All heavy atoms as atom14 arrays in JSON, in Angstrom:
{
  "sequence": "WLFGRLHGAAFIAYVLVTIVASRRLWWPGKTAVIALLAGVPP",
  "atom14_mask": [
    [1, 1, 1, 1, 1, 1, 1, 1, 1, 1, 1, 1, 1, 1],
    [1, 1, 1, 1, 1, 1, 1, 1, 0, 0, 0, 0, 0, 0],
    [1, 1, 1, 1, 1, 1, 1, 1, 1, 1, 1, 0, 0, 0],
    [1, 1, 1, 1, 0, 0, 0, 0, 0, 0, 0, 0, 0, 0],
    [1, 1, 1, 1, 1, 1, 1, 1, 1, 1, 1, 0, 0, 0],
    [1, 1, 1, 1, 1, 1, 1, 1, 0, 0, 0, 0, 0, 0],
    [1, 1, 1, 1, 1, 1, 1, 1, 1, 1, 0, 0, 0, 0],
    [1, 1, 1, 1, 0, 0, 0, 0, 0, 0, 0, 0, 0, 0],
    [1, 1, 1, 1, 1, 0, 0, 0, 0, 0, 0, 0, 0, 0],
    [1, 1, 1, 1, 1, 0, 0, 0, 0, 0, 0, 0, 0, 0],
    [1, 1, 1, 1, 1, 1, 1, 1, 1, 1, 1, 0, 0, 0],
    [1, 1, 1, 1, 1, 1, 1, 1, 0, 0, 0, 0, 0, 0],
    [1, 1, 1, 1, 1, 0, 0, 0, 0, 0, 0, 0, 0, 0],
    [1, 1, 1, 1, 1, 1, 1, 1, 1, 1, 1, 1, 0, 0],
    [1, 1, 1, 1, 1, 1, 1, 0, 0, 0, 0, 0, 0, 0],
    [1, 1, 1, 1, 1, 1, 1, 1, 0, 0, 0, 0, 0, 0],
    [1, 1, 1, 1, 1, 1, 1, 0, 0, 0, 0, 0, 0, 0],
    [1, 1, 1, 1, 1, 1, 1, 0, 0, 0, 0, 0, 0, 0],
    [1, 1, 1, 1, 1, 1, 1, 1, 0, 0, 0, 0, 0, 0],
    [1, 1, 1, 1, 1, 1, 1, 0, 0, 0, 0, 0, 0, 0],
    [1, 1, 1, 1, 1, 0, 0, 0, 0, 0, 0, 0, 0, 0],
    [1, 1, 1, 1, 1, 1, 0, 0, 0, 0, 0, 0, 0, 0],
    [1, 1, 1, 1, 1, 1, 1, 1, 1, 1, 1, 0, 0, 0],
    [1, 1, 1, 1, 1, 1, 1, 1, 1, 1, 1, 0, 0, 0],
    [1, 1, 1, 1, 1, 1, 1, 1, 0, 0, 0, 0, 0, 0],
    [1, 1, 1, 1, 1, 1, 1, 1, 1, 1, 1, 1, 1, 1],
    [1, 1, 1, 1, 1, 1, 1, 1, 1, 1, 1, 1, 1, 1],
    [1, 1, 1, 1, 1, 1, 1, 0, 0, 0, 0, 0, 0, 0],
    [1, 1, 1, 1, 0, 0, 0, 0, 0, 0, 0, 0, 0, 0],
    [1, 1, 1, 1, 1, 1, 1, 1, 1, 0, 0, 0, 0, 0],
    [1, 1, 1, 1, 1, 1, 1, 0, 0, 0, 0, 0, 0, 0],
    [1, 1, 1, 1, 1, 0, 0, 0, 0, 0, 0, 0, 0, 0],
    [1, 1, 1, 1, 1, 1, 1, 0, 0, 0, 0, 0, 0, 0],
    [1, 1, 1, 1, 1, 1, 1, 1, 0, 0, 0, 0, 0, 0],
    [1, 1, 1, 1, 1, 0, 0, 0, 0, 0, 0, 0, 0, 0],
    [1, 1, 1, 1, 1, 1, 1, 1, 0, 0, 0, 0, 0, 0],
    [1, 1, 1, 1, 1, 1, 1, 1, 0, 0, 0, 0, 0, 0],
    [1, 1, 1, 1, 1, 0, 0, 0, 0, 0, 0, 0, 0, 0],
    [1, 1, 1, 1, 0, 0, 0, 0, 0, 0, 0, 0, 0, 0],
    [1, 1, 1, 1, 1, 1, 1, 0, 0, 0, 0, 0, 0, 0],
    [1, 1, 1, 1, 1, 1, 1, 0, 0, 0, 0, 0, 0, 0],
    [1, 1, 1, 1, 1, 1, 1, 0, 0, 0, 0, 0, 0, 0]
  ],
  "atom14_positions": [
    [[80.82, 104.03, 69.97], [82.25, 104.22, 69.78], [82.71, 105.53, 70.42], [83.68, 105.55, 71.18], [82.57, 104.22, 68.28], [84.04, 104.38, 68.0], [84.96, 103.38, 67.93], [84.74, 105.6, 67.78], [86.19, 103.9, 67.68], [86.09, 105.27, 67.58], [84.35, 106.93, 67.72], [87.06, 106.23, 67.33], [85.31, 107.89, 67.47], [86.66, 107.53, 67.29]],
    [[82.02, 106.62, 70.14], [82.43, 107.93, 70.64], [82.14, 108.08, 72.14], [83.04, 108.38, 72.92], [81.72, 109.04, 69.87], [81.96, 110.46, 70.38], [83.43, 110.83, 70.2], [81.06, 111.44, 69.66], [0.0, 0.0, 0.0], [0.0, 0.0, 0.0], [0.0, 0.0, 0.0], [0.0, 0.0, 0.0], [0.0, 0.0, 0.0], [0.0, 0.0, 0.0]],
    [[80.89, 107.87, 72.53], [80.53, 108.11, 73.93], [81.07, 107.04, 74.88], [81.22, 107.3, 76.07], [79.01, 108.28, 74.08], [78.55, 109.63, 73.64], [77.94, 109.8, 72.41], [78.73, 110.73, 74.45], [77.53, 111.05, 72.0], [78.32, 111.99, 74.06], [77.72, 112.16, 72.82], [0.0, 0.0, 0.0], [0.0, 0.0, 0.0], [0.0, 0.0, 0.0]],
    [[81.36, 105.86, 74.37], [82.01, 104.86, 75.21], [83.37, 105.34, 75.68], [83.72, 105.22, 76.86], [0.0, 0.0, 0.0], [0.0, 0.0, 0.0], [0.0, 0.0, 0.0], [0.0, 0.0, 0.0], [0.0, 0.0, 0.0], [0.0, 0.0, 0.0], [0.0, 0.0, 0.0], [0.0, 0.0, 0.0], [0.0, 0.0, 0.0], [0.0, 0.0, 0.0]],
    [[84.14, 105.91, 74.78], [85.46, 106.44, 75.12], [85.34, 107.67, 76.02], [86.07, 107.81, 77.02], [86.23, 106.79, 73.85], [86.71, 105.57, 73.11], [87.06, 105.89, 71.65], [87.69, 104.78, 70.97], [87.07, 103.69, 70.57], [85.8, 103.52, 70.84], [87.73, 102.74, 69.93], [0.0, 0.0, 0.0], [0.0, 0.0, 0.0], [0.0, 0.0, 0.0]],
    [[84.44, 108.58, 75.65], [84.27, 109.8, 76.44], [83.79, 109.47, 77.86], [84.26, 110.06, 78.84], [83.29, 110.75, 75.75], [83.76, 111.39, 74.45], [82.64, 112.21, 73.83], [85.0, 112.24, 74.67], [0.0, 0.0, 0.0], [0.0, 0.0, 0.0], [0.0, 0.0, 0.0], [0.0, 0.0, 0.0], [0.0, 0.0, 0.0], [0.0, 0.0, 0.0]],
    [[82.84, 108.54, 77.95], [82.32, 108.2, 79.27], [83.37, 107.48, 80.12], [83.43, 107.7, 81.33], [81.06, 107.34, 79.17], [80.52, 106.97, 80.5], [80.0, 107.89, 81.38], [80.46, 105.78, 81.14], [79.64, 107.29, 82.5], [79.91, 106.0, 82.38], [0.0, 0.0, 0.0], [0.0, 0.0, 0.0], [0.0, 0.0, 0.0], [0.0, 0.0, 0.0]],
    [[84.17, 106.66, 79.51], [85.24, 106.0, 80.26], [86.18, 107.03, 80.89], [86.53, 106.93, 82.07], [0.0, 0.0, 0.0], [0.0, 0.0, 0.0], [0.0, 0.0, 0.0], [0.0, 0.0, 0.0], [0.0, 0.0, 0.0], [0.0, 0.0, 0.0], [0.0, 0.0, 0.0], [0.0, 0.0, 0.0], [0.0, 0.0, 0.0], [0.0, 0.0, 0.0]],
    [[86.58, 108.02, 80.1], [87.46, 109.06, 80.63], [86.75, 109.91, 81.68], [87.33, 110.26, 82.72], [87.95, 109.95, 79.49], [0.0, 0.0, 0.0], [0.0, 0.0, 0.0], [0.0, 0.0, 0.0], [0.0, 0.0, 0.0], [0.0, 0.0, 0.0], [0.0, 0.0, 0.0], [0.0, 0.0, 0.0], [0.0, 0.0, 0.0], [0.0, 0.0, 0.0]],
    [[85.49, 110.22, 81.43], [84.72, 111.04, 82.38], [84.51, 110.29, 83.69], [84.57, 110.89, 84.78], [83.37, 111.44, 81.78], [0.0, 0.0, 0.0], [0.0, 0.0, 0.0], [0.0, 0.0, 0.0], [0.0, 0.0, 0.0], [0.0, 0.0, 0.0], [0.0, 0.0, 0.0], [0.0, 0.0, 0.0], [0.0, 0.0, 0.0], [0.0, 0.0, 0.0]],
    [[84.28, 109.0, 83.64], [84.09, 108.21, 84.85], [85.36, 108.18, 85.69], [85.32, 108.34, 86.92], [83.63, 106.79, 84.51], [83.44, 105.94, 85.72], [82.32, 106.09, 86.52], [84.39, 104.99, 86.09], [82.13, 105.31, 87.66], [84.22, 104.22, 87.22], [83.09, 104.37, 88.01], [0.0, 0.0, 0.0], [0.0, 0.0, 0.0], [0.0, 0.0, 0.0]],
    [[86.5, 107.97, 85.04], [87.77, 107.97, 85.77], [88.01, 109.34, 86.4], [88.42, 109.43, 87.57], [88.93, 107.55, 84.85], [88.79, 106.07, 84.49], [90.28, 107.83, 85.5], [89.72, 105.6, 83.4], [0.0, 0.0, 0.0], [0.0, 0.0, 0.0], [0.0, 0.0, 0.0], [0.0, 0.0, 0.0], [0.0, 0.0, 0.0], [0.0, 0.0, 0.0]],
    [[87.74, 110.4, 85.65], [87.89, 111.76, 86.19], [86.95, 111.97, 87.37], [87.34, 112.57, 88.39], [87.63, 112.8, 85.11], [0.0, 0.0, 0.0], [0.0, 0.0, 0.0], [0.0, 0.0, 0.0], [0.0, 0.0, 0.0], [0.0, 0.0, 0.0], [0.0, 0.0, 0.0], [0.0, 0.0, 0.0], [0.0, 0.0, 0.0], [0.0, 0.0, 0.0]],
    [[85.72, 111.48, 87.27], [84.75, 111.63, 88.35], [85.24, 110.93, 89.62], [85.15, 111.49, 90.72], [83.39, 111.07, 87.94], [82.36, 111.12, 89.05], [81.71, 112.32, 89.35], [82.05, 110.0, 89.8], [80.79, 112.39, 90.37], [81.13, 110.06, 90.82], [80.5, 111.25, 91.11], [79.58, 111.31, 92.14], [0.0, 0.0, 0.0], [0.0, 0.0, 0.0]],
    [[85.76, 109.72, 89.49], [86.26, 108.99, 90.66], [87.42, 109.74, 91.3], [87.45, 109.93, 92.53], [86.66, 107.54, 90.28], [87.44, 106.88, 91.4], [85.44, 106.73, 89.92], [0.0, 0.0, 0.0], [0.0, 0.0, 0.0], [0.0, 0.0, 0.0], [0.0, 0.0, 0.0], [0.0, 0.0, 0.0], [0.0, 0.0, 0.0], [0.0, 0.0, 0.0]],
    [[88.36, 110.22, 90.49], [89.51, 110.94, 91.04], [89.1, 112.25, 91.71], [89.55, 112.56, 92.82], [90.53, 111.21, 89.93], [91.22, 109.97, 89.35], [92.12, 110.35, 88.18], [91.99, 109.22, 90.42], [0.0, 0.0, 0.0], [0.0, 0.0, 0.0], [0.0, 0.0, 0.0], [0.0, 0.0, 0.0], [0.0, 0.0, 0.0], [0.0, 0.0, 0.0]],
    [[88.23, 113.01, 91.06], [87.78, 114.29, 91.64], [86.96, 114.04, 92.9], [87.05, 114.8, 93.86], [87.0, 115.12, 90.59], [86.31, 116.31, 91.22], [87.94, 115.59, 89.5], [0.0, 0.0, 0.0], [0.0, 0.0, 0.0], [0.0, 0.0, 0.0], [0.0, 0.0, 0.0], [0.0, 0.0, 0.0], [0.0, 0.0, 0.0], [0.0, 0.0, 0.0]],
    [[86.18, 112.97, 92.92], [85.4, 112.64, 94.11], [86.31, 112.33, 95.3], [86.06, 112.78, 96.42], [84.47, 111.45, 93.83], [83.57, 111.81, 92.79], [83.68, 111.06, 95.06], [0.0, 0.0, 0.0], [0.0, 0.0, 0.0], [0.0, 0.0, 0.0], [0.0, 0.0, 0.0], [0.0, 0.0, 0.0], [0.0, 0.0, 0.0], [0.0, 0.0, 0.0]],
    [[87.37, 111.59, 95.05], [88.31, 111.27, 96.13], [88.97, 112.55, 96.66], [89.07, 112.76, 97.87], [89.36, 110.24, 95.65], [88.67, 108.89, 95.42], [90.5, 110.11, 96.65], [89.53, 107.88, 94.7], [0.0, 0.0, 0.0], [0.0, 0.0, 0.0], [0.0, 0.0, 0.0], [0.0, 0.0, 0.0], [0.0, 0.0, 0.0], [0.0, 0.0, 0.0]],
    [[89.41, 113.41, 95.75], [90.05, 114.67, 96.16], [89.04, 115.55, 96.9], [89.35, 116.13, 97.95], [90.65, 115.4, 94.95], [91.13, 116.79, 95.33], [91.8, 114.59, 94.36], [0.0, 0.0, 0.0], [0.0, 0.0, 0.0], [0.0, 0.0, 0.0], [0.0, 0.0, 0.0], [0.0, 0.0, 0.0], [0.0, 0.0, 0.0], [0.0, 0.0, 0.0]],
    [[87.82, 115.67, 96.36], [86.8, 116.51, 97.01], [86.45, 115.99, 98.39], [86.27, 116.78, 99.33], [85.55, 116.57, 96.13], [0.0, 0.0, 0.0], [0.0, 0.0, 0.0], [0.0, 0.0, 0.0], [0.0, 0.0, 0.0], [0.0, 0.0, 0.0], [0.0, 0.0, 0.0], [0.0, 0.0, 0.0], [0.0, 0.0, 0.0], [0.0, 0.0, 0.0]],
    [[86.36, 114.68, 98.53], [86.0, 114.13, 99.84], [87.07, 114.45, 100.89], [86.74, 114.65, 102.05], [85.77, 112.63, 99.75], [86.98, 111.94, 99.52], [0.0, 0.0, 0.0], [0.0, 0.0, 0.0], [0.0, 0.0, 0.0], [0.0, 0.0, 0.0], [0.0, 0.0, 0.0], [0.0, 0.0, 0.0], [0.0, 0.0, 0.0], [0.0, 0.0, 0.0]],
    [[88.31, 114.52, 100.48], [89.38, 114.84, 101.42], [89.43, 116.34, 101.72], [89.53, 116.75, 102.87], [90.74, 114.4, 100.84], [90.84, 112.92, 100.52], [90.83, 112.09, 101.74], [92.0, 112.47, 102.53], [92.54, 111.77, 103.46], [92.02, 110.6, 103.74], [93.58, 112.18, 104.13], [0.0, 0.0, 0.0], [0.0, 0.0, 0.0], [0.0, 0.0, 0.0]],
    [[89.38, 117.15, 100.68], [89.53, 118.6, 100.88], [88.29, 119.26, 101.48], [88.4, 120.28, 102.15], [89.88, 119.28, 99.57], [91.27, 118.96, 99.11], [91.71, 119.91, 98.06], [93.07, 119.61, 97.65], [93.64, 120.15, 96.6], [92.98, 121.01, 95.86], [94.88, 119.83, 96.29], [0.0, 0.0, 0.0], [0.0, 0.0, 0.0], [0.0, 0.0, 0.0]],
    [[87.13, 118.69, 101.21], [85.89, 119.27, 101.73], [85.43, 118.57, 103.0], [84.33, 118.81, 103.48], [84.8, 119.24, 100.66], [85.12, 120.04, 99.39], [84.01, 119.86, 98.37], [85.33, 121.5, 99.7], [0.0, 0.0, 0.0], [0.0, 0.0, 0.0], [0.0, 0.0, 0.0], [0.0, 0.0, 0.0], [0.0, 0.0, 0.0], [0.0, 0.0, 0.0]],
    [[86.24, 117.67, 103.51], [86.0, 117.0, 104.79], [84.67, 116.27, 104.82], [83.92, 116.36, 105.78], [86.11, 117.96, 105.95], [87.41, 118.68, 106.07], [88.56, 118.4, 105.42], [87.69, 119.81, 106.88], [89.54, 119.29, 105.77], [89.03, 120.17, 106.67], [86.93, 120.56, 107.77], [89.63, 121.23, 107.32], [87.53, 121.61, 108.41], [88.87, 121.94, 108.18]],
    [[84.37, 115.52, 103.75], [83.14, 114.75, 103.72], [83.25, 113.58, 104.68], [84.3, 112.94, 104.79], [82.89, 114.19, 102.33], [82.48, 115.19, 101.3], [82.17, 116.5, 101.52], [82.34, 114.97, 99.91], [81.85, 117.1, 100.33], [81.94, 116.19, 99.33], [82.52, 113.87, 99.1], [81.72, 116.32, 97.97], [82.29, 113.99, 97.74], [81.89, 115.2, 97.19]],
    [[82.15, 113.23, 105.34], [82.15, 111.98, 106.13], [82.32, 110.79, 105.18], [82.0, 110.88, 103.99], [80.76, 111.96, 106.77], [80.24, 113.35, 106.67], [80.91, 113.98, 105.49], [0.0, 0.0, 0.0], [0.0, 0.0, 0.0], [0.0, 0.0, 0.0], [0.0, 0.0, 0.0], [0.0, 0.0, 0.0], [0.0, 0.0, 0.0], [0.0, 0.0, 0.0]],
    [[82.79, 109.67, 105.69], [83.03, 108.49, 104.87], [81.79, 108.04, 104.11], [81.87, 107.64, 102.94], [0.0, 0.0, 0.0], [0.0, 0.0, 0.0], [0.0, 0.0, 0.0], [0.0, 0.0, 0.0], [0.0, 0.0, 0.0], [0.0, 0.0, 0.0], [0.0, 0.0, 0.0], [0.0, 0.0, 0.0], [0.0, 0.0, 0.0], [0.0, 0.0, 0.0]],
    [[80.63, 108.12, 104.76], [79.38, 107.7, 104.12], [79.08, 108.56, 102.89], [78.67, 108.04, 101.85], [78.25, 107.79, 105.13], [76.91, 107.32, 104.63], [75.86, 107.41, 105.72], [74.51, 106.99, 105.21], [73.48, 107.07, 106.26], [0.0, 0.0, 0.0], [0.0, 0.0, 0.0], [0.0, 0.0, 0.0], [0.0, 0.0, 0.0], [0.0, 0.0, 0.0]],
    [[79.31, 109.86, 102.99], [79.08, 110.76, 101.87], [80.02, 110.43, 100.71], [79.6, 110.42, 99.55], [79.27, 112.23, 102.31], [78.36, 112.51, 103.37], [79.01, 113.19, 101.16], [0.0, 0.0, 0.0], [0.0, 0.0, 0.0], [0.0, 0.0, 0.0], [0.0, 0.0, 0.0], [0.0, 0.0, 0.0], [0.0, 0.0, 0.0], [0.0, 0.0, 0.0]],
    [[81.28, 110.15, 101.02], [82.24, 109.82, 99.98], [81.86, 108.53, 99.27], [81.95, 108.44, 98.04], [83.64, 109.72, 100.58], [0.0, 0.0, 0.0], [0.0, 0.0, 0.0], [0.0, 0.0, 0.0], [0.0, 0.0, 0.0], [0.0, 0.0, 0.0], [0.0, 0.0, 0.0], [0.0, 0.0, 0.0], [0.0, 0.0, 0.0], [0.0, 0.0, 0.0]],
    [[81.43, 107.54, 100.01], [81.04, 106.25, 99.41], [79.81, 106.44, 98.53], [79.74, 105.91, 97.41], [80.78, 105.19, 100.5], [80.11, 103.95, 99.93], [82.09, 104.82, 101.19], [0.0, 0.0, 0.0], [0.0, 0.0, 0.0], [0.0, 0.0, 0.0], [0.0, 0.0, 0.0], [0.0, 0.0, 0.0], [0.0, 0.0, 0.0], [0.0, 0.0, 0.0]],
    [[78.84, 107.2, 98.99], [77.64, 107.46, 98.18], [78.0, 108.22, 96.9], [77.48, 107.93, 95.83], [76.57, 108.21, 99.0], [76.03, 107.3, 100.1], [75.44, 108.72, 98.12], [75.15, 108.0, 101.11], [0.0, 0.0, 0.0], [0.0, 0.0, 0.0], [0.0, 0.0, 0.0], [0.0, 0.0, 0.0], [0.0, 0.0, 0.0], [0.0, 0.0, 0.0]],
    [[78.92, 109.17, 97.02], [79.36, 109.92, 95.84], [80.02, 108.99, 94.82], [79.78, 109.1, 93.62], [80.32, 111.03, 96.25], [0.0, 0.0, 0.0], [0.0, 0.0, 0.0], [0.0, 0.0, 0.0], [0.0, 0.0, 0.0], [0.0, 0.0, 0.0], [0.0, 0.0, 0.0], [0.0, 0.0, 0.0], [0.0, 0.0, 0.0], [0.0, 0.0, 0.0]],
    [[80.85, 108.08, 95.3], [81.49, 107.12, 94.39], [80.47, 106.18, 93.76], [80.54, 105.9, 92.56], [82.56, 106.33, 95.13], [83.82, 107.13, 95.5], [84.7, 106.32, 96.43], [84.59, 107.54, 94.25], [0.0, 0.0, 0.0], [0.0, 0.0, 0.0], [0.0, 0.0, 0.0], [0.0, 0.0, 0.0], [0.0, 0.0, 0.0], [0.0, 0.0, 0.0]],
    [[79.52, 105.71, 94.56], [78.49, 104.82, 94.02], [77.56, 105.53, 93.03], [76.99, 104.89, 92.14], [77.67, 104.21, 95.15], [78.42, 103.19, 96.03], [77.53, 102.74, 97.19], [78.88, 102.0, 95.2], [0.0, 0.0, 0.0], [0.0, 0.0, 0.0], [0.0, 0.0, 0.0], [0.0, 0.0, 0.0], [0.0, 0.0, 0.0], [0.0, 0.0, 0.0]],
    [[77.43, 106.85, 93.17], [76.58, 107.62, 92.25], [77.14, 107.62, 90.83], [76.4, 107.91, 89.89], [76.43, 109.05, 92.75], [0.0, 0.0, 0.0], [0.0, 0.0, 0.0], [0.0, 0.0, 0.0], [0.0, 0.0, 0.0], [0.0, 0.0, 0.0], [0.0, 0.0, 0.0], [0.0, 0.0, 0.0], [0.0, 0.0, 0.0], [0.0, 0.0, 0.0]],
    [[78.4, 107.28, 90.68], [78.98, 107.22, 89.34], [78.56, 106.0, 88.55], [78.78, 105.93, 87.35], [0.0, 0.0, 0.0], [0.0, 0.0, 0.0], [0.0, 0.0, 0.0], [0.0, 0.0, 0.0], [0.0, 0.0, 0.0], [0.0, 0.0, 0.0], [0.0, 0.0, 0.0], [0.0, 0.0, 0.0], [0.0, 0.0, 0.0], [0.0, 0.0, 0.0]],
    [[77.93, 105.02, 89.2], [77.59, 103.77, 88.52], [76.24, 103.86, 87.79], [76.19, 103.6, 86.58], [77.64, 102.58, 89.5], [77.24, 101.29, 88.81], [79.05, 102.46, 90.09], [0.0, 0.0, 0.0], [0.0, 0.0, 0.0], [0.0, 0.0, 0.0], [0.0, 0.0, 0.0], [0.0, 0.0, 0.0], [0.0, 0.0, 0.0], [0.0, 0.0, 0.0]],
    [[75.12, 104.19, 88.45], [73.86, 104.26, 87.71], [73.82, 105.5, 86.8], [74.4, 106.53, 87.13], [72.79, 104.4, 88.8], [73.47, 104.16, 90.09], [74.92, 104.39, 89.88], [0.0, 0.0, 0.0], [0.0, 0.0, 0.0], [0.0, 0.0, 0.0], [0.0, 0.0, 0.0], [0.0, 0.0, 0.0], [0.0, 0.0, 0.0], [0.0, 0.0, 0.0]],
    [[73.15, 105.37, 85.67], [73.07, 106.52, 84.76], [72.44, 107.75, 85.43], [71.42, 107.65, 86.1], [72.18, 106.02, 83.62], [72.3, 104.54, 83.68], [72.5, 104.2, 85.12], [0.0, 0.0, 0.0], [0.0, 0.0, 0.0], [0.0, 0.0, 0.0], [0.0, 0.0, 0.0], [0.0, 0.0, 0.0], [0.0, 0.0, 0.0], [0.0, 0.0, 0.0]]
  ]
}
């Protein structure tokens, strides 16, 4: 109950911050995709 809610919010924050970081830090597309996929496995 607790960590399901916390993890849902943390995952959404991770995706948003990853998108912003990939743009501002000039990551190549492959790096950005790997960063987004890294949010799926524990």
